[in-house]
Amino acid sequence: MISLLPILSKTIEHVALARMTVFAPNSLSPLQFACQKGYLALDAVHLMLEKVYKASNDKLYSSALFLDVQDAFDKVLYQRLAEIMTNDDFPPYLVD
């Protein structure tokens, strides 16, 4: 069963994304690369490298901060998330 968890997780992620893009197509940031149709993780890396190279060519410094937030979903402010989803016109049955 443990070996199926990543597959189940990805399946749920794709279903949730499909539902979200139907009900609130403009709610995702254009800089959100994960789970967006037509985008890959490499696109995010390419954008970051492009900005680093441009800064270097312009004789500027660049920095990056990488976060891996453990148990991030356990720390979500669910009332705030529900408020955002309501403001983005998600159907009530998806918000509750």
C-alpha atoms as a PDB file:
ATOM      1  CA  MET A   1       0.000   0.000   0.000  1.00  0.00           C
ATOM      2  CA  ILE A   2       2.824   2.438   0.811  1.00  0.00           C
ATOM      3  CA  SER A   3       4.178   2.172  -2.723  1.00  0.00           C
ATOM      4  CA  LEU A   4       0.782   3.328  -4.060  1.00  0.00           C
ATOM      5  CA  LEU A   5       0.744   6.550  -2.012  1.00  0.00           C
ATOM      6  CA  PRO A   6       2.684   8.696  -4.535  1.00  0.00           C
ATOM      7  CA  ILE A   7       0.382   7.507  -7.345  1.00  0.00           C
ATOM      8  CA  LEU A   8      -2.734   8.203  -5.290  1.00  0.00           C
ATOM      9  CA  SER A   9      -1.364  11.592  -4.255  1.00  0.00           C
ATOM     10  CA  LYS A  10      -0.642  12.614  -7.862  1.00  0.00           C
ATOM     11  CA  THR A  11      -4.067  11.404  -8.982  1.00  0.00           C
ATOM     12  CA  ILE A  12      -5.835  13.459  -6.317  1.00  0.00           C
ATOM     13  CA  GLU A  13      -3.641  16.447  -7.171  1.00  0.00           C
ATOM     14  CA  HIS A  14      -4.577  16.265 -10.860  1.00  0.00           C
ATOM     15  CA  VAL A  15      -8.292  15.825 -10.111  1.00  0.00           C
ATOM     16  CA  ALA A  16      -8.226  18.803  -7.739  1.00  0.00           C
ATOM     17  CA  LEU A  17      -6.418  20.916 -10.317  1.00  0.00           C
ATOM     18  CA  ALA A  18      -8.891  19.944 -13.036  1.00  0.00           C
ATOM     19  CA  ARG A  19     -11.792  20.956 -10.795  1.00  0.00           C
ATOM     20  CA  MET A  20     -10.097  24.193  -9.802  1.00  0.00           C
ATOM     21  CA  THR A  21      -9.371  25.258 -13.369  1.00  0.00           C
ATOM     22  CA  VAL A  22     -13.025  24.690 -14.285  1.00  0.00           C
ATOM     23  CA  PHE A  23     -14.463  26.698 -11.408  1.00  0.00           C
ATOM     24  CA  ALA A  24     -11.776  29.345 -10.938  1.00  0.00           C
ATOM     25  CA  PRO A  25      -9.512  29.409 -13.995  1.00  0.00           C
ATOM     26  CA  ASN A  26      -7.814  32.679 -13.037  1.00  0.00           C
ATOM     27  CA  SER A  27      -7.120  31.844  -9.398  1.00  0.00           C
ATOM     28  CA  LEU A  28      -3.618  30.433  -9.990  1.00  0.00           C
ATOM     29  CA  SER A  29      -0.669  32.771 -10.284  1.00  0.00           C
ATOM     30  CA  PRO A  30       1.114  32.810 -13.647  1.00  0.00           C
ATOM     31  CA  LEU A  31       4.254  31.994 -11.655  1.00  0.00           C
ATOM     32  CA  GLN A  32       2.662  28.777 -10.336  1.00  0.00           C
ATOM     33  CA  PHE A  33       4.387  26.036 -12.319  1.00  0.00           C
ATOM     34  CA  ALA A  34       3.402  22.910 -10.407  1.00  0.00           C
ATOM     35  CA  CYS A  35       0.421  20.984 -11.750  1.00  0.00           C
ATOM     36  CA  GLN A  36      -0.406  23.458 -14.488  1.00  0.00           C
ATOM     37  CA  LYS A  37      -1.158  22.184 -17.937  1.00  0.00           C
ATOM     38  CA  GLY A  38       1.703  22.990 -20.270  1.00  0.00           C
ATOM     39  CA  TYR A  39       4.213  23.724 -17.502  1.00  0.00           C
ATOM     40  CA  LEU A  40       6.995  21.555 -16.121  1.00  0.00           C
ATOM     41  CA  ALA A  41       9.199  21.883 -13.072  1.00  0.00           C
ATOM     42  CA  LEU A  42      12.016  22.608 -15.517  1.00  0.00           C
ATOM     43  CA  ASP A  43      10.163  25.740 -16.627  1.00  0.00           C
ATOM     44  CA  ALA A  44      10.534  27.120 -13.091  1.00  0.00           C
ATOM     45  CA  VAL A  45      14.235  26.257 -13.083  1.00  0.00           C
ATOM     46  CA  HIS A  46      14.646  27.901 -16.502  1.00  0.00           C
ATOM     47  CA  LEU A  47      12.931  31.099 -15.299  1.00  0.00           C
ATOM     48  CA  MET A  48      15.136  31.228 -12.210  1.00  0.00           C
ATOM     49  CA  LEU A  49      18.336  30.693 -14.216  1.00  0.00           C
ATOM     50  CA  GLU A  50      17.261  33.332 -16.727  1.00  0.00           C
ATOM     51  CA  LYS A  51      16.883  35.867 -13.905  1.00  0.00           C
ATOM     52  CA  VAL A  52      20.240  34.877 -12.369  1.00  0.00           C
ATOM     53  CA  TYR A  53      22.030  35.203 -15.717  1.00  0.00           C
ATOM     54  CA  LYS A  54      20.393  38.573 -16.399  1.00  0.00           C
ATOM     55  CA  ALA A  55      21.446  39.862 -12.966  1.00  0.00           C
ATOM     56  CA  SER A  56      24.985  38.613 -13.568  1.00  0.00           C
ATOM     57  CA  ASN A  57      25.146  40.279 -16.990  1.00  0.00           C
ATOM     58  CA  ASP A  58      23.891  43.522 -15.437  1.00  0.00           C
ATOM     59  CA  LYS A  59      26.586  43.252 -12.729  1.00  0.00           C
ATOM     60  CA  LEU A  60      23.940  42.756 -10.031  1.00  0.00           C
ATOM     61  CA  TYR A  61      23.643  40.228  -7.249  1.00  0.00           C
ATOM     62  CA  SER A  62      20.962  37.595  -7.119  1.00  0.00           C
ATOM     63  CA  SER A  63      19.770  35.354  -4.345  1.00  0.00           C
ATOM     64  CA  ALA A  64      17.302  32.536  -3.957  1.00  0.00           C
ATOM     65  CA  LEU A  65      15.424  31.029  -1.075  1.00  0.00           C
ATOM     66  CA  PHE A  66      14.248  27.428  -1.287  1.00  0.00           C
ATOM     67  CA  LEU A  67      11.672  26.213   1.201  1.00  0.00           C
ATOM     68  CA  ASP A  68      10.545  22.681   1.810  1.00  0.00           C
ATOM     69  CA  VAL A  69       7.762  23.101   4.306  1.00  0.00           C
ATOM     70  CA  GLN A  70       7.153  19.848   6.128  1.00  0.00           C
ATOM     71  CA  ASP A  71       3.490  19.093   6.867  1.00  0.00           C
ATOM     72  CA  ALA A  72       2.410  22.265   5.062  1.00  0.00           C
ATOM     73  CA  PHE A  73      -1.146  21.062   4.586  1.00  0.00           C
ATOM     74  CA  ASP A  74      -1.458  20.427   8.320  1.00  0.00           C
ATOM     75  CA  LYS A  75      -0.771  24.115   8.938  1.00  0.00           C
ATOM     76  CA  VAL A  76      -3.257  25.604   6.449  1.00  0.00           C
ATOM     77  CA  LEU A  77      -5.616  28.242   7.841  1.00  0.00           C
ATOM     78  CA  TYR A  78      -8.759  26.519   6.601  1.00  0.00           C
ATOM     79  CA  GLN A  79     -11.121  29.433   7.279  1.00  0.00           C
ATOM     80  CA  ARG A  80      -8.844  31.733   5.268  1.00  0.00           C
ATOM     81  CA  LEU A  81      -8.632  29.156   2.476  1.00  0.00           C
ATOM     82  CA  ALA A  82     -12.447  28.871   2.430  1.00  0.00           C
ATOM     83  CA  GLU A  83     -12.700  32.670   2.277  1.00  0.00           C
ATOM     84  CA  ILE A  84     -10.300  32.837  -0.689  1.00  0.00           C
ATOM     85  CA  MET A  85     -12.146  30.042  -2.499  1.00  0.00           C
ATOM     86  CA  THR A  86     -15.485  31.797  -1.909  1.00  0.00           C
ATOM     87  CA  ASN A  87     -14.073  35.086  -3.225  1.00  0.00           C
ATOM     88  CA  ASP A  88     -12.796  33.231  -6.309  1.00  0.00           C
ATOM     89  CA  ASP A  89     -16.336  31.932  -6.981  1.00  0.00           C
ATOM     90  CA  PHE A  90     -15.747  28.288  -6.141  1.00  0.00           C
ATOM     91  CA  PRO A  91     -19.064  26.444  -5.751  1.00  0.00           C
ATOM     92  CA  PRO A  92     -20.153  26.162  -2.092  1.00  0.00           C
ATOM     93  CA  TYR A  93     -20.012  22.352  -2.146  1.00  0.00           C
ATOM     94  CA  LEU A  94     -16.258  22.560  -2.881  1.00  0.00           C
ATOM     95  CA  VAL A  95     -15.649  25.122  -0.153  1.00  0.00           C
ATOM     96  CA  ASP A  96     -17.503  23.322   2.681  1.00  0.00           C
END
